[in-house]
Each structure stands twice: as structure tokens, then as C-alpha cells.
């Protein structure tokens, strides 16, 4: 399993992690967090930064070198649960879904 990057400023995160497969944690100025995943070639982090241009404080990223949707889905769920257990205010409105072809047991 990979490692989370250090907290990165939004403008640097956009450059470093754009179109890279992996998972991310966005921390907002109000200390709330959002966790998500992106596949190779997508720009989910950039989409968040464009939607909330002044309210993102930092981004952490964990690259998925295998570009496995199943790995990213499980990692997103684990990260969400870890953040909730730590008492963080999580902005995710729905639980991460698992692709139907993943064996997550």
C-alpha cells in the first residue's frame, strides 16, 4: 500500500496530482475534510479546487500505481471511516461505493 503525501497547498496539489490515479483528502479552512478517489486521466481534485477556490486549505494524496478502482474504492471507505473515528467533520454526503466486480470480503 502507498503512503499519503504531506499536506500540500491547493495550487501545488493541482499540479502534482492532476490526472494521477489515487485517493485524496481535502482539508478546508474550517477544518472539515472530504475524501475521494480519481482514476488515471481524471481531474477530480482540480474539480474540487475549482468549485471551492478559496476554502481549500490543503490536499493529501496517495497514488495508486496499479490504477485499480477496487483498491481506490476500499481505500476511500477506510479513509472515510478513519476520519470519522478521529472526530473529523466529514463533508462526504454518501458512503463510497464499491465497483460490482470487486471482491471486497
Protein backbone atom coordinates (compact mmCIF):
# COMPACT_ATOMS: atom_id res chain seq x y z
CA UNK A 1 0.00 0.00 0.00
CA UNK A 2 1.18 3.51 -0.77
CA UNK A 3 1.74 6.37 1.59
CA UNK A 4 -0.11 9.63 1.97
CA UNK A 5 1.75 12.70 0.77
CA UNK A 6 2.44 15.54 3.13
CA UNK A 7 -0.27 18.19 3.25
CA UNK A 8 0.09 20.13 0.02
CA UNK A 9 -1.13 23.63 -0.82
CA UNK A 10 -4.07 23.62 -3.27
CA UNK A 11 -2.19 25.18 -6.20
CA UNK A 12 0.68 22.70 -5.81
CA UNK A 13 -1.74 19.77 -5.45
CA UNK A 14 -3.41 20.70 -8.73
CA UNK A 15 -0.02 20.49 -10.48
CA UNK A 16 1.33 17.38 -8.72
CA UNK A 17 -1.74 15.15 -8.65
CA UNK A 18 -3.65 16.15 -11.79
CA UNK A 19 -4.69 13.03 -13.74
CA UNK A 20 -2.84 10.67 -11.38
CA UNK A 21 -4.73 7.60 -10.11
CA UNK A 22 -5.17 7.57 -6.37
CA UNK A 23 -7.06 8.77 -3.31
CA UNK A 24 -7.13 12.18 -1.71
CA UNK A 25 -8.13 14.03 1.43
CA UNK A 26 -9.05 17.68 1.07
CA UNK A 27 -8.91 19.80 4.22
CA UNK A 28 -10.94 23.00 4.20
CA UNK A 29 -10.24 26.23 6.08
CA UNK A 30 -13.00 25.34 8.58
CA UNK A 31 -11.09 22.05 9.32
CA UNK A 32 -13.74 19.87 7.70
CA UNK A 33 -12.48 17.21 5.29
CA UNK A 34 -13.55 15.41 2.14
CA UNK A 35 -12.10 12.14 0.90
CA UNK A 36 -12.34 10.87 -2.64
CA UNK A 37 -10.67 8.97 -5.44
CA UNK A 38 -9.69 9.65 -9.01
CA UNK A 39 -8.66 7.41 -11.88
CA UNK A 40 -5.73 7.96 -14.20
CA UNK A 41 -6.54 10.78 -16.57
CA UNK A 42 -9.27 12.33 -14.42
CA UNK A 43 -9.04 15.61 -12.53
CA UNK A 44 -11.33 15.16 -9.53
CA UNK A 45 -9.02 17.16 -7.26
CA UNK A 46 -8.98 20.03 -9.75
CA UNK A 47 -12.78 19.93 -9.89
CA UNK A 48 -12.98 20.36 -6.10
CA UNK A 49 -10.46 23.18 -6.18
CA UNK A 50 -12.39 24.99 -8.91
CA UNK A 51 -15.66 24.54 -7.01
CA UNK A 52 -14.18 25.81 -3.71
CA UNK A 53 -11.33 28.09 -4.86
CA UNK A 54 -10.86 29.98 -1.59
CA UNK A 55 -11.90 27.47 1.04
CA UNK A 56 -9.42 24.60 0.49
CA UNK A 57 -6.51 24.65 2.92
CA UNK A 58 -4.58 21.54 1.85
CA UNK A 59 -4.65 18.24 -0.05
CA UNK A 60 -3.12 14.89 0.85
CA UNK A 61 -2.75 12.26 -1.87
CA UNK A 62 -1.96 8.55 -2.07
CA UNK A 63 -1.04 7.32 -5.54
CA UNK A 64 -2.49 4.03 -6.82
CA UNK A 65 0.27 2.70 -9.05
CA UNK A 66 -1.91 -0.21 -10.20
CA UNK A 67 -4.75 2.16 -11.24
CA UNK A 68 -7.16 -0.28 -9.57
CA UNK A 69 -10.67 1.05 -8.98
CA UNK A 70 -11.19 -1.68 -6.36
CA UNK A 71 -8.11 -0.60 -4.41
CA UNK A 72 -9.13 3.06 -4.53
CA UNK A 73 -12.73 2.29 -3.51
CA UNK A 74 -11.66 0.28 -0.47
CA UNK A 75 -9.04 2.88 0.47
CA UNK A 76 -11.64 5.66 0.22
CA UNK A 77 -14.00 3.79 2.54
CA UNK A 78 -11.21 3.02 5.03
CA UNK A 79 -10.07 6.65 4.98
CA UNK A 80 -13.61 7.96 5.50
CA UNK A 81 -14.09 5.64 8.48
CA UNK A 82 -10.71 6.64 9.96
CA UNK A 83 -11.57 10.34 9.64
CA UNK A 84 -14.98 9.80 11.25
CA UNK A 85 -13.41 7.78 14.08
CA UNK A 86 -10.99 10.66 14.66
CA UNK A 87 -13.94 13.00 15.14
CA UNK A 88 -13.38 14.99 11.95
CA UNK A 89 -16.27 16.81 10.30
CA UNK A 90 -16.56 14.93 7.00
CA UNK A 91 -18.17 16.62 4.01
CA UNK A 92 -18.87 13.39 2.11
CA UNK A 93 -22.65 13.12 1.81
CA UNK A 94 -22.73 9.47 0.70
CA UNK A 95 -20.67 6.40 1.57
CA UNK A 96 -18.08 5.38 -1.03
CA UNK A 97 -19.42 2.72 -3.37
CA UNK A 98 -17.62 -0.46 -4.35
CA UNK A 99 -17.48 -1.41 -8.05
CA UNK A 100 -19.61 -4.51 -8.70
CA UNK A 101 -16.65 -6.55 -9.96
CA UNK A 102 -14.59 -6.10 -6.76
CA UNK A 103 -14.16 -8.87 -4.23
CA UNK A 104 -14.11 -6.76 -1.08
CA UNK A 105 -14.60 -9.50 1.50
